């Protein structure tokens, strides 16, 4: 059972999506935790030195999907 799950979906320009990915990558590279702010609340997620990394690409007739997952 999940203790907490936060899902966020929004439409962004390719450049804005890249900027968010860069910010997340920079935080992962510099710190052992990542901070998120949603709805006025700040969440801190501890990230260990090693994580499981999954990259999934799905190509359909009408839609493409690129999914990146980090798990520990």
PDB file of N, CA and C in Angstrom:
ATOM      1  N   UNK A   1       0.841  -1.181   0.000  1.00  0.00           N
ATOM      2  CA  UNK A   1       0.000   0.000   0.000  1.00  0.00           C
ATOM      3  C   UNK A   1       0.882   1.239   0.000  1.00  0.00           C
ATOM      4  N   UNK A   2       0.601   2.193  -0.866  1.00  0.00           N
ATOM      5  CA  UNK A   2       1.345   3.437  -0.939  1.00  0.00           C
ATOM      6  C   UNK A   2       0.993   4.332   0.245  1.00  0.00           C
ATOM      7  N   UNK A   3       2.009   4.948   0.816  1.00  0.00           N
ATOM      8  CA  UNK A   3       1.757   5.910   1.874  1.00  0.00           C
ATOM      9  C   UNK A   3       1.270   7.229   1.302  1.00  0.00           C
ATOM     10  N   UNK A   4       1.879   7.614   0.166  1.00  0.00           N
ATOM     11  CA  UNK A   4       1.477   8.852  -0.479  1.00  0.00           C
ATOM     12  C   UNK A   4       1.850   8.761  -1.953  1.00  0.00           C
ATOM     13  N   UNK A   5       1.001   9.275  -2.792  1.00  0.00           N
ATOM     14  CA  UNK A   5       1.287   9.335  -4.221  1.00  0.00           C
ATOM     15  C   UNK A   5       0.815  10.682  -4.748  1.00  0.00           C
ATOM     16  N   UNK A   6       1.694  11.335  -5.488  1.00  0.00           N
ATOM     17  CA  UNK A   6       1.364  12.619  -6.100  1.00  0.00           C
ATOM     18  C   UNK A   6       1.569  12.463  -7.597  1.00  0.00           C
ATOM     19  N   UNK A   7       0.538  12.717  -8.362  1.00  0.00           N
ATOM     20  CA  UNK A   7       0.628  12.634  -9.811  1.00  0.00           C
ATOM     21  C   UNK A   7       0.342  14.009 -10.384  1.00  0.00           C
ATOM     22  N   UNK A   8       1.192  14.415 -11.297  1.00  0.00           N
ATOM     23  CA  UNK A   8       1.019  15.726 -11.909  1.00  0.00           C
ATOM     24  C   UNK A   8       1.093  15.566 -13.419  1.00  0.00           C
ATOM     25  N   UNK A   9       0.123  16.082 -14.098  1.00  0.00           N
ATOM     26  CA  UNK A   9       0.108  16.068 -15.556  1.00  0.00           C
ATOM     27  C   UNK A   9      -0.219  17.463 -16.038  1.00  0.00           C
ATOM     28  N   UNK A  10       0.552  17.938 -16.985  1.00  0.00           N
ATOM     29  CA  UNK A  10       0.241  19.213 -17.625  1.00  0.00           C
ATOM     30  C   UNK A  10       0.923  19.255 -18.974  1.00  0.00           C
ATOM     31  N   UNK A  11       0.421  20.076 -19.819  1.00  0.00           N
ATOM     32  CA  UNK A  11       0.983  20.232 -21.164  1.00  0.00           C
ATOM     33  C   UNK A  11       2.033  21.331 -21.111  1.00  0.00           C
ATOM     34  N   UNK A  12       3.245  21.027 -21.582  1.00  0.00           N
ATOM     35  CA  UNK A  12       4.357  21.968 -21.576  1.00  0.00           C
ATOM     36  C   UNK A  12       4.979  22.016 -22.957  1.00  0.00           C
ATOM     37  N   UNK A  13       5.689  23.074 -23.217  1.00  0.00           N
ATOM     38  CA  UNK A  13       6.499  23.089 -24.434  1.00  0.00           C
ATOM     39  C   UNK A  13       7.647  22.092 -24.242  1.00  0.00           C
ATOM     40  N   UNK A  14       8.222  21.654 -25.325  1.00  0.00           N
ATOM     41  CA  UNK A  14       9.353  20.734 -25.259  1.00  0.00           C
ATOM     42  C   UNK A  14      10.478  21.350 -24.429  1.00  0.00           C
ATOM     43  N   UNK A  15      10.733  22.641 -24.627  1.00  0.00           N
ATOM     44  CA  UNK A  15      11.794  23.323 -23.898  1.00  0.00           C
ATOM     45  C   UNK A  15      11.517  23.384 -22.402  1.00  0.00           C
ATOM     46  N   UNK A  16      10.265  23.652 -22.019  1.00  0.00           N
ATOM     47  CA  UNK A  16       9.906  23.689 -20.599  1.00  0.00           C
ATOM     48  C   UNK A  16      10.016  22.305 -19.966  1.00  0.00           C
ATOM     49  N   UNK A  17       9.622  21.263 -20.698  1.00  0.00           N
ATOM     50  CA  UNK A  17       9.764  19.897 -20.187  1.00  0.00           C
ATOM     51  C   UNK A  17      11.241  19.571 -19.976  1.00  0.00           C
ATOM     52  N   UNK A  18      12.081  19.982 -20.928  1.00  0.00           N
ATOM     53  CA  UNK A  18      13.523  19.750 -20.804  1.00  0.00           C
ATOM     54  C   UNK A  18      14.091  20.494 -19.593  1.00  0.00           C
ATOM     55  N   UNK A  19      13.620  21.710 -19.351  1.00  0.00           N
ATOM     56  CA  UNK A  19      14.092  22.495 -18.206  1.00  0.00           C
ATOM     57  C   UNK A  19      13.743  21.795 -16.898  1.00  0.00           C
ATOM     58  N   UNK A  20      12.550  21.218 -16.817  1.00  0.00           N
ATOM     59  CA  UNK A  20      12.162  20.488 -15.600  1.00  0.00           C
ATOM     60  C   UNK A  20      13.019  19.247 -15.411  1.00  0.00           C
ATOM     61  N   UNK A  21      13.278  18.539 -16.506  1.00  0.00           N
ATOM     62  CA  UNK A  21      14.146  17.361 -16.415  1.00  0.00           C
ATOM     63  C   UNK A  21      15.563  17.752 -16.006  1.00  0.00           C
ATOM     64  N   UNK A  22      16.068  18.863 -16.553  1.00  0.00           N
ATOM     65  CA  UNK A  22      17.394  19.355 -16.163  1.00  0.00           C
ATOM     66  C   UNK A  22      17.441  19.676 -14.676  1.00  0.00           C
ATOM     67  N   UNK A  23      16.428  20.351 -14.168  1.00  0.00           N
ATOM     68  CA  UNK A  23      16.388  20.724 -12.752  1.00  0.00           C
ATOM     69  C   UNK A  23      16.379  19.478 -11.870  1.00  0.00           C
ATOM     70  N   UNK A  24      15.598  18.481 -12.252  1.00  0.00           N
ATOM     71  CA  UNK A  24      15.562  17.237 -11.489  1.00  0.00           C
ATOM     72  C   UNK A  24      16.909  16.533 -11.554  1.00  0.00           C
ATOM     73  N   UNK A  25      17.506  16.454 -12.740  1.00  0.00           N
ATOM     74  CA  UNK A  25      18.812  15.808 -12.898  1.00  0.00           C
ATOM     75  C   UNK A  25      19.873  16.540 -12.080  1.00  0.00           C
ATOM     76  N   UNK A  26      19.861  17.868 -12.093  1.00  0.00           N
ATOM     77  CA  UNK A  26      20.825  18.640 -11.308  1.00  0.00           C
ATOM     78  C   UNK A  26      20.664  18.371  -9.810  1.00  0.00           C
ATOM     79  N   UNK A  27      19.427  18.312  -9.338  1.00  0.00           N
ATOM     80  CA  UNK A  27      19.178  18.033  -7.930  1.00  0.00           C
ATOM     81  C   UNK A  27      19.662  16.634  -7.560  1.00  0.00           C
ATOM     82  N   UNK A  28      19.418  15.658  -8.424  1.00  0.00           N
ATOM     83  CA  UNK A  28      19.886  14.296  -8.152  1.00  0.00           C
ATOM     84  C   UNK A  28      21.408  14.225  -8.118  1.00  0.00           C
ATOM     85  N   UNK A  29      22.059  14.968  -8.974  1.00  0.00           N
ATOM     86  CA  UNK A  29      23.518  14.931  -9.045  1.00  0.00           C
ATOM     87  C   UNK A  29      24.168  15.625  -7.837  1.00  0.00           C
ATOM     88  N   UNK A  30      23.530  16.644  -7.287  1.00  0.00           N
ATOM     89  CA  UNK A  30      24.125  17.439  -6.220  1.00  0.00           C
ATOM     90  C   UNK A  30      23.783  16.968  -4.822  1.00  0.00           C
ATOM     91  N   UNK A  31      22.620  16.395  -4.639  1.00  0.00           N
ATOM     92  CA  UNK A  31      22.125  16.136  -3.285  1.00  0.00           C
ATOM     93  C   UNK A  31      21.624  14.700  -3.164  1.00  0.00           C
ATOM     94  N   UNK A  32      21.419  14.278  -1.928  1.00  0.00           N
ATOM     95  CA  UNK A  32      20.816  12.964  -1.715  1.00  0.00           C
ATOM     96  C   UNK A  32      19.324  13.087  -1.413  1.00  0.00           C
ATOM     97  N   UNK A  33      18.762  14.232  -1.765  1.00  0.00           N
ATOM     98  CA  UNK A  33      17.323  14.408  -1.645  1.00  0.00           C
ATOM     99  C   UNK A  33      16.848  15.408  -2.697  1.00  0.00           C
ATOM    100  N   UNK A  34      15.578  15.273  -3.031  1.00  0.00           N
ATOM    101  CA  UNK A  34      14.968  16.137  -4.034  1.00  0.00           C
ATOM    102  C   UNK A  34      13.748  16.781  -3.390  1.00  0.00           C
ATOM    103  N   UNK A  35      13.581  18.068  -3.603  1.00  0.00           N
ATOM    104  CA  UNK A  35      12.438  18.780  -3.029  1.00  0.00           C
ATOM    105  C   UNK A  35      11.432  19.126  -4.101  1.00  0.00           C
ATOM    106  N   UNK A  36      10.166  18.986  -3.743  1.00  0.00           N
ATOM    107  CA  UNK A  36       9.049  19.344  -4.611  1.00  0.00           C
ATOM    108  C   UNK A  36       8.111  20.238  -3.821  1.00  0.00           C
ATOM    109  N   UNK A  37       7.487  21.161  -4.504  1.00  0.00           N
ATOM    110  CA  UNK A  37       6.474  21.982  -3.860  1.00  0.00           C
ATOM    111  C   UNK A  37       5.183  21.857  -4.653  1.00  0.00           C
ATOM    112  N   UNK A  38       4.122  21.463  -3.978  1.00  0.00           N
ATOM    113  CA  UNK A  38       2.819  21.281  -4.609  1.00  0.00           C
ATOM    114  C   UNK A  38       1.746  21.823  -3.677  1.00  0.00           C
ATOM    115  N   UNK A  39       0.927  22.684  -4.189  1.00  0.00           N
ATOM    116  CA  UNK A  39      -0.197  23.192  -3.407  1.00  0.00           C
ATOM    117  C   UNK A  39       0.223  23.874  -2.115  1.00  0.00           C
ATOM    118  N   UNK A  40       1.359  24.562  -2.138  1.00  0.00           N
ATOM    119  CA  UNK A  40       1.818  25.250  -0.938  1.00  0.00           C
ATOM    120  C   UNK A  40       2.535  24.363   0.057  1.00  0.00           C
ATOM    121  N   UNK A  41       2.640  23.077  -0.226  1.00  0.00           N
ATOM    122  CA  UNK A  41       3.347  22.149   0.661  1.00  0.00           C
ATOM    123  C   UNK A  41       4.672  21.751   0.028  1.00  0.00           C
ATOM    124  N   UNK A  42       5.698  21.617   0.841  1.00  0.00           N
ATOM    125  CA  UNK A  42       7.018  21.215   0.355  1.00  0.00           C
ATOM    126  C   UNK A  42       7.280  19.769   0.763  1.00  0.00           C
ATOM    127  N   UNK A  43       7.687  18.966  -0.208  1.00  0.00           N
ATOM    128  CA  UNK A  43       7.993  17.557   0.026  1.00  0.00           C
ATOM    129  C   UNK A  43       9.477  17.334  -0.235  1.00  0.00           C
ATOM    130  N   UNK A  44      10.127  16.597   0.644  1.00  0.00           N
ATOM    131  CA  UNK A  44      11.525  16.224   0.465  1.00  0.00           C
ATOM    132  C   UNK A  44      11.597  14.713   0.355  1.00  0.00           C
ATOM    133  N   UNK A  45      12.211  14.235  -0.722  1.00  0.00           N
ATOM    134  CA  UNK A  45      12.331  12.800  -0.975  1.00  0.00           C
ATOM    135  C   UNK A  45      13.805  12.436  -0.910  1.00  0.00           C
ATOM    136  N   UNK A  46      14.166  11.555   0.019  1.00  0.00           N
ATOM    137  CA  UNK A  46      15.542  11.079   0.133  1.00  0.00           C
ATOM    138  C   UNK A  46      15.833  10.124  -1.016  1.00  0.00           C
ATOM    139  N   UNK A  47      16.981  10.300  -1.659  1.00  0.00           N
ATOM    140  CA  UNK A  47      17.394   9.457  -2.778  1.00  0.00           C
ATOM    141  C   UNK A  47      18.746   8.841  -2.417  1.00  0.00           C
ATOM    142  N   UNK A  48      18.842   7.507  -2.396  1.00  0.00           N
ATOM    143  CA  UNK A  48      20.114   6.870  -2.040  1.00  0.00           C
ATOM    144  C   UNK A  48      21.159   7.039  -3.143  1.00  0.00           C
ATOM    145  N   UNK A  49      22.372   6.610  -2.855  1.00  0.00           N
ATOM    146  CA  UNK A  49      23.471   6.734  -3.823  1.00  0.00           C
ATOM    147  C   UNK A  49      23.258   5.885  -5.071  1.00  0.00           C
ATOM    148  N   UNK A  50      22.509   4.800  -4.971  1.00  0.00           N
ATOM    149  CA  UNK A  50      22.213   3.951  -6.130  1.00  0.00           C
ATOM    150  C   UNK A  50      20.709   3.767  -6.272  1.00  0.00           C
ATOM    151  N   UNK A  51      20.239   3.851  -7.506  1.00  0.00           N
ATOM    152  CA  UNK A  51      18.814   3.696  -7.805  1.00  0.00           C
ATOM    153  C   UNK A  51      18.671   2.748  -8.998  1.00  0.00           C
ATOM    154  N   UNK A  52      17.489   2.178  -9.145  1.00  0.00           N
ATOM    155  CA  UNK A  52      17.157   1.407 -10.337  1.00  0.00           C
ATOM    156  C   UNK A  52      16.590   2.381 -11.360  1.00  0.00           C
ATOM    157  N   UNK A  53      17.122   2.353 -12.566  1.00  0.00           N
ATOM    158  CA  UNK A  53      16.737   3.279 -13.627  1.00  0.00           C
ATOM    159  C   UNK A  53      16.049   2.492 -14.736  1.00  0.00           C
ATOM    160  N   UNK A  54      14.900   2.978 -15.170  1.00  0.00           N
ATOM    161  CA  UNK A  54      14.151   2.322 -16.247  1.00  0.00           C
ATOM    162  C   UNK A  54      13.764   3.377 -17.272  1.00  0.00           C
ATOM    163  N   UNK A  55      14.028   3.095 -18.526  1.00  0.00           N
ATOM    164  CA  UNK A  55      13.627   3.966 -19.630  1.00  0.00           C
ATOM    165  C   UNK A  55      12.734   3.144 -20.547  1.00  0.00           C
ATOM    166  N   UNK A  56      11.549   3.636 -20.784  1.00  0.00           N
ATOM    167  CA  UNK A  56      10.575   2.911 -21.606  1.00  0.00           C
ATOM    168  C   UNK A  56      10.085   3.827 -22.719  1.00  0.00           C
ATOM    169  N   UNK A  57      10.098   3.312 -23.925  1.00  0.00           N
ATOM    170  CA  UNK A  57       9.609   4.054 -25.079  1.00  0.00           C
ATOM    171  C   UNK A  57       8.495   3.247 -25.728  1.00  0.00           C
ATOM    172  N   UNK A  58       7.353   3.883 -25.925  1.00  0.00           N
ATOM    173  CA  UNK A  58       6.224   3.234 -26.586  1.00  0.00           C
ATOM    174  C   UNK A  58       5.864   4.054 -27.820  1.00  0.00           C
ATOM    175  N   UNK A  59       5.740   3.377 -28.949  1.00  0.00           N
ATOM    176  CA  UNK A  59       5.396   4.049 -30.201  1.00  0.00           C
ATOM    177  C   UNK A  59       4.127   3.412 -30.744  1.00  0.00           C
ATOM    178  N   UNK A  60       3.061   4.204 -30.762  1.00  0.00           N
ATOM    179  CA  UNK A  60       1.795   3.741 -31.307  1.00  0.00           C
ATOM    180  C   UNK A  60       1.481   4.499 -32.582  1.00  0.00           C
ATOM    181  N   UNK A  61       0.333   4.204 -33.153  1.00  0.00           N
ATOM    182  CA  UNK A  61      -0.064   4.881 -34.390  1.00  0.00           C
ATOM    183  C   UNK A  61      -0.297   6.373 -34.180  1.00  0.00           C
ATOM    184  N   UNK A  62      -0.948   6.733 -33.067  1.00  0.00           N
ATOM    185  CA  UNK A  62      -1.332   8.125 -32.842  1.00  0.00           C
ATOM    186  C   UNK A  62      -0.566   8.802 -31.710  1.00  0.00           C
ATOM    187  N   UNK A  63       0.217   8.036 -30.944  1.00  0.00           N
ATOM    188  CA  UNK A  63       0.818   8.603 -29.747  1.00  0.00           C
ATOM    189  C   UNK A  63       2.180   7.972 -29.486  1.00  0.00           C
ATOM    190  N   UNK A  64       3.092   8.775 -28.954  1.00  0.00           N
ATOM    191  CA  UNK A  64       4.400   8.296 -28.530  1.00  0.00           C
ATOM    192  C   UNK A  64       4.527   8.572 -27.042  1.00  0.00           C
ATOM    193  N   UNK A  65       5.272   7.717 -26.345  1.00  0.00           N
ATOM    194  CA  UNK A  65       5.461   7.920 -24.910  1.00  0.00           C
ATOM    195  C   UNK A  65       6.892   7.585 -24.535  1.00  0.00           C
ATOM    196  N   UNK A  66       7.483   8.453 -23.740  1.00  0.00           N
ATOM    197  CA  UNK A  66       8.805   8.242 -23.183  1.00  0.00           C
ATOM    198  C   UNK A  66       8.645   8.313 -21.672  1.00  0.00           C
ATOM    199  N   UNK A  67       8.943   7.232 -20.995  1.00  0.00           N
ATOM    200  CA  UNK A  67       8.744   7.171 -19.553  1.00  0.00           C
ATOM    201  C   UNK A  67      10.076   6.885 -18.883  1.00  0.00           C
ATOM    202  N   UNK A  68      10.415   7.702 -17.897  1.00  0.00           N
ATOM    203  CA  UNK A  68      11.634   7.509 -17.112  1.00  0.00           C
ATOM    204  C   UNK A  68      11.207   7.202 -15.696  1.00  0.00           C
ATOM    205  N   UNK A  69      11.769   6.153 -15.137  1.00  0.00           N
ATOM    206  CA  UNK A  69      11.405   5.747 -13.774  1.00  0.00           C
ATOM    207  C   UNK A  69      12.658   5.519 -12.967  1.00  0.00           C
ATOM    208  N   UNK A  70      12.691   6.089 -11.780  1.00  0.00           N
ATOM    209  CA  UNK A  70      13.730   5.821 -10.794  1.00  0.00           C
ATOM    210  C   UNK A  70      13.066   5.144  -9.619  1.00  0.00           C
ATOM    211  N   UNK A  71      13.683   4.078  -9.146  1.00  0.00           N
ATOM    212  CA  UNK A  71      13.081   3.317  -8.049  1.00  0.00           C
ATOM    213  C   UNK A  71      14.182   2.897  -7.088  1.00  0.00           C
ATOM    214  N   UNK A  72      13.868   2.892  -5.804  1.00  0.00           N
ATOM    215  CA  UNK A  72      14.810   2.413  -4.806  1.00  0.00           C
ATOM    216  C   UNK A  72      14.060   1.852  -3.634  1.00  0.00           C
TER     217      UNK A  72
END
